[in-house]
Amino acid sequence: MRASVNSWEGLKKTTFVRDCFLRLNAQSDGNMVRLVCEKVVELAKEGEPWAVQELFNRLDGKPPQAITGDGDASLVVQVIKFANDSASS
């Protein structure tokens, strides 16, 4: 079940930018999200490539990314842990 437009609960984890955006949206009585969406649509209609791509990614979902490598070589996966990563042990 999808969260309603006015409910941000159950969405992805919180981040500094996300928290800041949600706080600014709340301060504008929810108008900021609408204004940002309208601007992205306006730019897409003007042919701005990133805006068109962002709309399609949000509406249709991002296309899957292929994992490719050298045909004969093994795929190497490198895990990078940060000092403040609470999941690292």
PDB file of N, CA and C in Angstrom:
ATOM      1  N   MET A   1       0.838  -1.170   0.000  1.00  0.00           N
ATOM      2  CA  MET A   1       0.000   0.000   0.000  1.00  0.00           C
ATOM      3  C   MET A   1       0.890   1.242   0.000  1.00  0.00           C
ATOM      4  N   ARG A   2       0.541   2.195  -0.781  1.00  0.00           N
ATOM      5  CA  ARG A   2       1.326   3.397  -0.938  1.00  0.00           C
ATOM      6  C   ARG A   2       0.917   4.454   0.082  1.00  0.00           C
ATOM      7  N   ALA A   3       1.914   5.214   0.579  1.00  0.00           N
ATOM      8  CA  ALA A   3       1.619   6.286   1.519  1.00  0.00           C
ATOM      9  C   ALA A   3       0.894   7.414   0.800  1.00  0.00           C
ATOM     10  N   SER A   4       0.016   8.100   1.514  1.00  0.00           N
ATOM     11  CA  SER A   4      -0.693   9.216   0.893  1.00  0.00           C
ATOM     12  C   SER A   4       0.265  10.375   0.670  1.00  0.00           C
ATOM     13  N   VAL A   5      -0.129  11.319  -0.156  1.00  0.00           N
ATOM     14  CA  VAL A   5       0.709  12.462  -0.486  1.00  0.00           C
ATOM     15  C   VAL A   5       1.076  13.254   0.758  1.00  0.00           C
ATOM     16  N   ASN A   6       0.174  13.340   1.721  1.00  0.00           N
ATOM     17  CA  ASN A   6       0.414  14.124   2.924  1.00  0.00           C
ATOM     18  C   ASN A   6       1.108  13.331   4.031  1.00  0.00           C
ATOM     19  N   SER A   7       1.335  12.059   3.824  1.00  0.00           N
ATOM     20  CA  SER A   7       1.977  11.226   4.834  1.00  0.00           C
ATOM     21  C   SER A   7       3.356  10.816   4.359  1.00  0.00           C
ATOM     22  N   TRP A   8       4.379  11.225   5.098  1.00  0.00           N
ATOM     23  CA  TRP A   8       5.754  10.886   4.724  1.00  0.00           C
ATOM     24  C   TRP A   8       6.240   9.663   5.503  1.00  0.00           C
ATOM     25  N   GLU A   9       5.373   9.096   6.338  1.00  0.00           N
ATOM     26  CA  GLU A   9       5.756   7.926   7.109  1.00  0.00           C
ATOM     27  C   GLU A   9       5.875   6.717   6.198  1.00  0.00           C
ATOM     28  N   GLY A  10       6.788   5.852   6.501  1.00  0.00           N
ATOM     29  CA  GLY A  10       6.948   4.633   5.726  1.00  0.00           C
ATOM     30  C   GLY A  10       7.781   4.813   4.476  1.00  0.00           C
ATOM     31  N   LEU A  11       8.255   6.025   4.243  1.00  0.00           N
ATOM     32  CA  LEU A  11       9.106   6.239   3.083  1.00  0.00           C
ATOM     33  C   LEU A  11      10.545   5.907   3.443  1.00  0.00           C
ATOM     34  N   LYS A  12      11.453   6.107   2.508  1.00  0.00           N
ATOM     35  CA  LYS A  12      12.852   5.733   2.698  1.00  0.00           C
ATOM     36  C   LYS A  12      13.446   6.364   3.953  1.00  0.00           C
ATOM     37  N   LYS A  13      14.594   5.843   4.354  1.00  0.00           N
ATOM     38  CA  LYS A  13      15.249   6.317   5.570  1.00  0.00           C
ATOM     39  C   LYS A  13      15.490   7.825   5.521  1.00  0.00           C
ATOM     40  N   THR A  14      15.641   8.387   6.685  1.00  0.00           N
ATOM     41  CA  THR A  14      15.862   9.823   6.756  1.00  0.00           C
ATOM     42  C   THR A  14      17.320  10.151   6.458  1.00  0.00           C
ATOM     43  N   THR A  15      17.513  11.263   5.804  1.00  0.00           N
ATOM     44  CA  THR A  15      18.846  11.793   5.543  1.00  0.00           C
ATOM     45  C   THR A  15      18.785  13.279   5.835  1.00  0.00           C
ATOM     46  N   PHE A  16      19.924  13.928   5.910  1.00  0.00           N
ATOM     47  CA  PHE A  16      19.961  15.354   6.188  1.00  0.00           C
ATOM     48  C   PHE A  16      19.182  16.137   5.138  1.00  0.00           C
ATOM     49  N   VAL A  17      19.427  15.854   3.849  1.00  0.00           N
ATOM     50  CA  VAL A  17      18.758  16.587   2.780  1.00  0.00           C
ATOM     51  C   VAL A  17      17.265  16.306   2.786  1.00  0.00           C
ATOM     52  N   ARG A  18      16.895  15.048   2.968  1.00  0.00           N
ATOM     53  CA  ARG A  18      15.475  14.685   3.002  1.00  0.00           C
ATOM     54  C   ARG A  18      14.768  15.371   4.172  1.00  0.00           C
ATOM     55  N   ASP A  19      15.393  15.331   5.345  1.00  0.00           N
ATOM     56  CA  ASP A  19      14.809  15.977   6.518  1.00  0.00           C
ATOM     57  C   ASP A  19      14.643  17.479   6.286  1.00  0.00           C
ATOM     58  N   CYS A  20      15.648  18.101   5.708  1.00  0.00           N
ATOM     59  CA  CYS A  20      15.595  19.531   5.423  1.00  0.00           C
ATOM     60  C   CYS A  20      14.459  19.836   4.441  1.00  0.00           C
ATOM     61  N   PHE A  21      14.356  19.045   3.392  1.00  0.00           N
ATOM     62  CA  PHE A  21      13.295  19.240   2.397  1.00  0.00           C
ATOM     63  C   PHE A  21      11.919  19.084   3.027  1.00  0.00           C
ATOM     64  N   LEU A  22      11.731  18.057   3.828  1.00  0.00           N
ATOM     65  CA  LEU A  22      10.431  17.829   4.461  1.00  0.00           C
ATOM     66  C   LEU A  22      10.083  18.949   5.437  1.00  0.00           C
ATOM     67  N   ARG A  23      11.091  19.462   6.139  1.00  0.00           N
ATOM     68  CA  ARG A  23      10.866  20.571   7.066  1.00  0.00           C
ATOM     69  C   ARG A  23      10.440  21.829   6.295  1.00  0.00           C
ATOM     70  N   LEU A  24      11.141  22.125   5.188  1.00  0.00           N
ATOM     71  CA  LEU A  24      10.776  23.290   4.374  1.00  0.00           C
ATOM     72  C   LEU A  24       9.392  23.124   3.764  1.00  0.00           C
ATOM     73  N   ASN A  25       9.064  21.897   3.349  1.00  0.00           N
ATOM     74  CA  ASN A  25       7.736  21.641   2.790  1.00  0.00           C
ATOM     75  C   ASN A  25       6.656  21.871   3.842  1.00  0.00           C
ATOM     76  N   ALA A  26       6.897  21.421   5.060  1.00  0.00           N
ATOM     77  CA  ALA A  26       5.919  21.612   6.137  1.00  0.00           C
ATOM     78  C   ALA A  26       5.747  23.099   6.443  1.00  0.00           C
ATOM     79  N   GLN A  27       6.842  23.854   6.412  1.00  0.00           N
ATOM     80  CA  GLN A  27       6.772  25.288   6.678  1.00  0.00           C
ATOM     81  C   GLN A  27       5.986  26.027   5.595  1.00  0.00           C
ATOM     82  N   SER A  28       5.928  25.457   4.400  1.00  0.00           N
ATOM     83  CA  SER A  28       5.197  26.109   3.305  1.00  0.00           C
ATOM     84  C   SER A  28       3.792  25.530   3.147  1.00  0.00           C
ATOM     85  N   ASP A  29       3.300  24.872   4.183  1.00  0.00           N
ATOM     86  CA  ASP A  29       1.970  24.238   4.162  1.00  0.00           C
ATOM     87  C   ASP A  29       1.819  23.237   3.025  1.00  0.00           C
ATOM     88  N   GLY A  30       2.902  22.569   2.675  1.00  0.00           N
ATOM     89  CA  GLY A  30       2.866  21.532   1.650  1.00  0.00           C
ATOM     90  C   GLY A  30       2.957  22.045   0.227  1.00  0.00           C
ATOM     91  N   ASN A  31       3.127  23.338   0.052  1.00  0.00           N
ATOM     92  CA  ASN A  31       3.176  23.903  -1.298  1.00  0.00           C
ATOM     93  C   ASN A  31       4.515  23.702  -1.995  1.00  0.00           C
ATOM     94  N   MET A  32       5.586  23.494  -1.227  1.00  0.00           N
ATOM     95  CA  MET A  32       6.901  23.392  -1.843  1.00  0.00           C
ATOM     96  C   MET A  32       7.005  22.186  -2.777  1.00  0.00           C
ATOM     97  N   VAL A  33       6.476  21.053  -2.369  1.00  0.00           N
ATOM     98  CA  VAL A  33       6.531  19.867  -3.221  1.00  0.00           C
ATOM     99  C   VAL A  33       5.793  20.126  -4.531  1.00  0.00           C
ATOM    100  N   ARG A  34       4.628  20.745  -4.434  1.00  0.00           N
ATOM    101  CA  ARG A  34       3.851  21.049  -5.638  1.00  0.00           C
ATOM    102  C   ARG A  34       4.620  22.001  -6.551  1.00  0.00           C
ATOM    103  N   LEU A  35       5.237  23.040  -5.980  1.00  0.00           N
ATOM    104  CA  LEU A  35       5.986  24.010  -6.778  1.00  0.00           C
ATOM    105  C   LEU A  35       7.192  23.366  -7.456  1.00  0.00           C
ATOM    106  N   VAL A  36       7.894  22.507  -6.726  1.00  0.00           N
ATOM    107  CA  VAL A  36       9.058  21.820  -7.302  1.00  0.00           C
ATOM    108  C   VAL A  36       8.613  20.902  -8.437  1.00  0.00           C
ATOM    109  N   CYS A  37       7.534  20.167  -8.223  1.00  0.00           N
ATOM    110  CA  CYS A  37       7.020  19.273  -9.274  1.00  0.00           C
ATOM    111  C   CYS A  37       6.610  20.058 -10.511  1.00  0.00           C
ATOM    112  N   GLU A  38       5.922  21.160 -10.298  1.00  0.00           N
ATOM    113  CA  GLU A  38       5.506  21.985 -11.431  1.00  0.00           C
ATOM    114  C   GLU A  38       6.715  22.512 -12.202  1.00  0.00           C
ATOM    115  N   LYS A  39       7.775  22.896 -11.495  1.00  0.00           N
ATOM    116  CA  LYS A  39       8.983  23.413 -12.151  1.00  0.00           C
ATOM    117  C   LYS A  39       9.669  22.318 -12.960  1.00  0.00           C
ATOM    118  N   VAL A  40       9.750  21.117 -12.412  1.00  0.00           N
ATOM    119  CA  VAL A  40      10.378  20.013 -13.142  1.00  0.00           C
ATOM    120  C   VAL A  40       9.584  19.703 -14.413  1.00  0.00           C
ATOM    121  N   VAL A  41       8.259  19.695 -14.313  1.00  0.00           N
ATOM    122  CA  VAL A  41       7.418  19.449 -15.490  1.00  0.00           C
ATOM    123  C   VAL A  41       7.620  20.559 -16.515  1.00  0.00           C
ATOM    124  N   GLU A  42       7.673  21.795 -16.055  1.00  0.00           N
ATOM    125  CA  GLU A  42       7.891  22.935 -16.953  1.00  0.00           C
ATOM    126  C   GLU A  42       9.225  22.798 -17.694  1.00  0.00           C
ATOM    127  N   LEU A  43      10.277  22.449 -16.966  1.00  0.00           N
ATOM    128  CA  LEU A  43      11.596  22.285 -17.590  1.00  0.00           C
ATOM    129  C   LEU A  43      11.607  21.101 -18.555  1.00  0.00           C
ATOM    130  N   ALA A  44      10.897  20.031 -18.210  1.00  0.00           N
ATOM    131  CA  ALA A  44      10.815  18.880 -19.116  1.00  0.00           C
ATOM    132  C   ALA A  44      10.101  19.274 -20.410  1.00  0.00           C
ATOM    133  N   LYS A  45       9.053  20.053 -20.295  1.00  0.00           N
ATOM    134  CA  LYS A  45       8.329  20.513 -21.491  1.00  0.00           C
ATOM    135  C   LYS A  45       9.203  21.410 -22.368  1.00  0.00           C
ATOM    136  N   GLU A  46      10.150  22.123 -21.735  1.00  0.00           N
ATOM    137  CA  GLU A  46      11.081  22.968 -22.482  1.00  0.00           C
ATOM    138  C   GLU A  46      12.226  22.155 -23.088  1.00  0.00           C
ATOM    139  N   GLY A  47      12.260  20.861 -22.784  1.00  0.00           N
ATOM    140  CA  GLY A  47      13.265  19.981 -23.370  1.00  0.00           C
ATOM    141  C   GLY A  47      14.515  19.785 -22.542  1.00  0.00           C
ATOM    142  N   GLU A  48      14.487  20.166 -21.282  1.00  0.00           N
ATOM    143  CA  GLU A  48      15.647  19.976 -20.408  1.00  0.00           C
ATOM    144  C   GLU A  48      15.831  18.476 -20.173  1.00  0.00           C
ATOM    145  N   PRO A  49      16.950  17.887 -20.685  1.00  0.00           N
ATOM    146  CA  PRO A  49      17.115  16.425 -20.633  1.00  0.00           C
ATOM    147  C   PRO A  49      17.037  15.822 -19.234  1.00  0.00           C
ATOM    148  N   TRP A  50      17.681  16.447 -18.244  1.00  0.00           N
ATOM    149  CA  TRP A  50      17.664  15.860 -16.897  1.00  0.00           C
ATOM    150  C   TRP A  50      16.248  15.845 -16.329  1.00  0.00           C
ATOM    151  N   ALA A  51      15.435  16.877 -16.665  1.00  0.00           N
ATOM    152  CA  ALA A  51      14.071  16.939 -16.143  1.00  0.00           C
ATOM    153  C   ALA A  51      13.206  15.852 -16.780  1.00  0.00           C
ATOM    154  N   VAL A  52      13.376  15.634 -18.076  1.00  0.00           N
ATOM    155  CA  VAL A  52      12.638  14.567 -18.771  1.00  0.00           C
ATOM    156  C   VAL A  52      13.011  13.218 -18.168  1.00  0.00           C
ATOM    157  N   GLN A  53      14.319  12.993 -17.994  1.00  0.00           N
ATOM    158  CA  GLN A  53      14.786  11.718 -17.435  1.00  0.00           C
ATOM    159  C   GLN A  53      14.244  11.521 -16.018  1.00  0.00           C
ATOM    160  N   GLU A  54      14.273  12.572 -15.208  1.00  0.00           N
ATOM    161  CA  GLU A  54      13.788  12.456 -13.834  1.00  0.00           C
ATOM    162  C   GLU A  54      12.300  12.118 -13.802  1.00  0.00           C
ATOM    163  N   LEU A  55      11.521  12.738 -14.667  1.00  0.00           N
ATOM    164  CA  LEU A  55      10.084  12.416 -14.714  1.00  0.00           C
ATOM    165  C   LEU A  55       9.860  10.955 -15.076  1.00  0.00           C
ATOM    166  N   PHE A  56      10.546  10.484 -16.111  1.00  0.00           N
ATOM    167  CA  PHE A  56      10.385   9.083 -16.499  1.00  0.00           C
ATOM    168  C   PHE A  56      10.861   8.146 -15.393  1.00  0.00           C
ATOM    169  N   ASN A  57      11.966   8.485 -14.736  1.00  0.00           N
ATOM    170  CA  ASN A  57      12.458   7.638 -13.650  1.00  0.00           C
ATOM    171  C   ASN A  57      11.450   7.566 -12.507  1.00  0.00           C
ATOM    172  N   ARG A  58      10.797   8.673 -12.219  1.00  0.00           N
ATOM    173  CA  ARG A  58       9.826   8.699 -11.120  1.00  0.00           C
ATOM    174  C   ARG A  58       8.513   8.039 -11.501  1.00  0.00           C
ATOM    175  N   LEU A  59       8.100   8.191 -12.753  1.00  0.00           N
ATOM    176  CA  LEU A  59       6.813   7.628 -13.181  1.00  0.00           C
ATOM    177  C   LEU A  59       6.913   6.150 -13.520  1.00  0.00           C
ATOM    178  N   ASP A  60       7.954   5.772 -14.249  1.00  0.00           N
ATOM    179  CA  ASP A  60       8.104   4.390 -14.712  1.00  0.00           C
ATOM    180  C   ASP A  60       9.094   3.587 -13.884  1.00  0.00           C
ATOM    181  N   GLY A  61       9.858   4.230 -13.037  1.00  0.00           N
ATOM    182  CA  GLY A  61      10.925   3.570 -12.296  1.00  0.00           C
ATOM    183  C   GLY A  61      12.206   3.593 -13.118  1.00  0.00           C
ATOM    184  N   LYS A  62      13.311   3.621 -12.412  1.00  0.00           N
ATOM    185  CA  LYS A  62      14.592   3.639 -13.112  1.00  0.00           C
ATOM    186  C   LYS A  62      14.802   2.313 -13.823  1.00  0.00           C
ATOM    187  N   PRO A  63      15.361   2.366 -15.039  1.00  0.00           N
ATOM    188  CA  PRO A  63      15.655   1.099 -15.718  1.00  0.00           C
ATOM    189  C   PRO A  63      16.749   0.346 -14.962  1.00  0.00           C
ATOM    190  N   PRO A  64      16.688  -0.978 -14.978  1.00  0.00           N
ATOM    191  CA  PRO A  64      17.717  -1.751 -14.270  1.00  0.00           C
ATOM    192  C   PRO A  64      19.092  -1.503 -14.868  1.00  0.00           C
ATOM    193  N   GLN A  65      20.082  -1.449 -14.002  1.00  0.00           N
ATOM    194  CA  GLN A  65      21.461  -1.249 -14.436  1.00  0.00           C
ATOM    195  C   GLN A  65      22.119  -2.603 -14.628  1.00  0.00           C
ATOM    196  N   ALA A  66      22.713  -2.791 -15.784  1.00  0.00           N
ATOM    197  CA  ALA A  66      23.412  -4.051 -16.058  1.00  0.00           C
ATOM    198  C   ALA A  66      24.749  -4.068 -15.331  1.00  0.00           C
ATOM    199  N   ILE A  67      25.086  -5.202 -14.766  1.00  0.00           N
ATOM    200  CA  ILE A  67      26.400  -5.384 -14.167  1.00  0.00           C
ATOM    201  C   ILE A  67      27.242  -6.117 -15.195  1.00  0.00           C
ATOM    202  N   THR A  68      28.226  -5.425 -15.701  1.00  0.00           N
ATOM    203  CA  THR A  68      29.061  -6.009 -16.748  1.00  0.00           C
ATOM    204  C   THR A  68      30.515  -5.979 -16.335  1.00  0.00           C
ATOM    205  N   GLY A  69      31.274  -6.775 -16.956  1.00  0.00           N
ATOM    206  CA  GLY A  69      32.709  -6.822 -16.708  1.00  0.00           C
ATOM    207  C   GLY A  69      33.400  -7.399 -17.926  1.00  0.00           C
ATOM    208  N   ASP A  70      34.669  -7.607 -17.782  1.00  0.00           N
ATOM    209  CA  ASP A  70      35.442  -8.230 -18.849  1.00  0.00           C
ATOM    210  C   ASP A  70      34.932  -9.660 -19.006  1.00  0.00           C
ATOM    211  N   GLY A  71      34.694 -10.082 -20.218  1.00  0.00           N
ATOM    212  CA  GLY A  71      34.110 -11.386 -20.489  1.00  0.00           C
ATOM    213  C   GLY A  71      34.816 -12.551 -19.817  1.00  0.00           C
ATOM    214  N   ASP A  72      36.134 -12.526 -19.730  1.00  0.00           N
ATOM    215  CA  ASP A  72      36.882 -13.648 -19.164  1.00  0.00           C
ATOM    216  C   ASP A  72      37.309 -13.417 -17.721  1.00  0.00           C
ATOM    217  N   ALA A  73      37.277 -12.182 -17.274  1.00  0.00           N
ATOM    218  CA  ALA A  73      37.749 -11.869 -15.923  1.00  0.00           C
ATOM    219  C   ALA A  73      36.620 -12.018 -14.908  1.00  0.00           C
ATOM    220  N   SER A  74      37.003 -12.272 -13.663  1.00  0.00           N
ATOM    221  CA  SER A  74      36.031 -12.374 -12.580  1.00  0.00           C
ATOM    222  C   SER A  74      35.520 -10.986 -12.222  1.00  0.00           C
ATOM    223  N   LEU A  75      34.285 -10.929 -11.746  1.00  0.00           N
ATOM    224  CA  LEU A  75      33.719  -9.683 -11.276  1.00  0.00           C
ATOM    225  C   LEU A  75      34.253  -9.412  -9.880  1.00  0.00           C
ATOM    226  N   VAL A  76      34.772  -8.217  -9.647  1.00  0.00           N
ATOM    227  CA  VAL A  76      35.328  -7.851  -8.353  1.00  0.00           C
ATOM    228  C   VAL A  76      34.367  -6.887  -7.675  1.00  0.00           C
ATOM    229  N   VAL A  77      33.978  -7.217  -6.443  1.00  0.00           N
ATOM    230  CA  VAL A  77      33.102  -6.360  -5.661  1.00  0.00           C
ATOM    231  C   VAL A  77      33.915  -5.827  -4.497  1.00  0.00           C
ATOM    232  N   GLN A  78      33.923  -4.503  -4.336  1.00  0.00           N
ATOM    233  CA  GLN A  78      34.674  -3.878  -3.256  1.00  0.00           C
ATOM    234  C   GLN A  78      33.678  -3.217  -2.312  1.00  0.00           C
ATOM    235  N   VAL A  79      33.744  -3.584  -1.030  1.00  0.00           N
ATOM    236  CA  VAL A  79      32.869  -3.008  -0.014  1.00  0.00           C
ATOM    237  C   VAL A  79      33.662  -1.959   0.743  1.00  0.00           C
ATOM    238  N   ILE A  80      33.124  -0.744   0.768  1.00  0.00           N
ATOM    239  CA  ILE A  80      33.806   0.354   1.464  1.00  0.00           C
ATOM    240  C   ILE A  80      32.984   0.698   2.694  1.00  0.00           C
ATOM    241  N   LYS A  81      33.619   0.634   3.858  1.00  0.00           N
ATOM    242  CA  LYS A  81      32.944   0.976   5.098  1.00  0.00           C
ATOM    243  C   LYS A  81      33.472   2.305   5.605  1.00  0.00           C
ATOM    244  N   PHE A  82      32.578   3.126   6.107  1.00  0.00           N
ATOM    245  CA  PHE A  82      32.946   4.416   6.639  1.00  0.00           C
ATOM    246  C   PHE A  82      33.024   4.342   8.157  1.00  0.00           C
ATOM    247  N   ALA A  83      33.823   5.210   8.738  1.00  0.00           N
ATOM    248  CA  ALA A  83      34.032   5.205  10.196  1.00  0.00           C
ATOM    249  C   ALA A  83      32.723   5.390  10.956  1.00  0.00           C
ATOM    250  N   ASN A  84      31.808   6.181  10.437  1.00  0.00           N
ATOM    251  CA  ASN A  84      30.549   6.433  11.149  1.00  0.00           C
ATOM    252  C   ASN A  84      29.435   5.505  10.707  1.00  0.00           C
ATOM    253  N   ASP A  85      29.737   4.448   9.975  1.00  0.00           N
ATOM    254  CA  ASP A  85      28.728   3.486   9.500  1.00  0.00           C
ATOM    255  C   ASP A  85      28.301   2.618  10.673  1.00  0.00           C
ATOM    256  N   SER A  86      27.083   2.799  11.150  1.00  0.00           N
ATOM    257  CA  SER A  86      26.599   2.053  12.303  1.00  0.00           C
ATOM    258  C   SER A  86      26.382   0.574  11.993  1.00  0.00           C
ATOM    259  N   ALA A  87      26.270   0.220  10.703  1.00  0.00           N
ATOM    260  CA  ALA A  87      26.035  -1.176  10.332  1.00  0.00           C
ATOM    261  C   ALA A  87      27.325  -1.986  10.328  1.00  0.00           C
ATOM    262  N   SER A  88      28.470  -1.305  10.314  1.00  0.00           N
ATOM    263  CA  SER A  88      29.737  -2.039  10.261  1.00  0.00           C
ATOM    264  C   SER A  88      30.054  -2.622  11.631  1.00  0.00           C
ATOM    265  N   SER A  89      30.736  -3.740  11.610  1.00  0.00           N
ATOM    266  CA  SER A  89      31.102  -4.351  12.893  1.00  0.00           C
ATOM    267  C   SER A  89      32.551  -4.739  12.917  1.00  0.00           C
TER     268      SER A  89
END
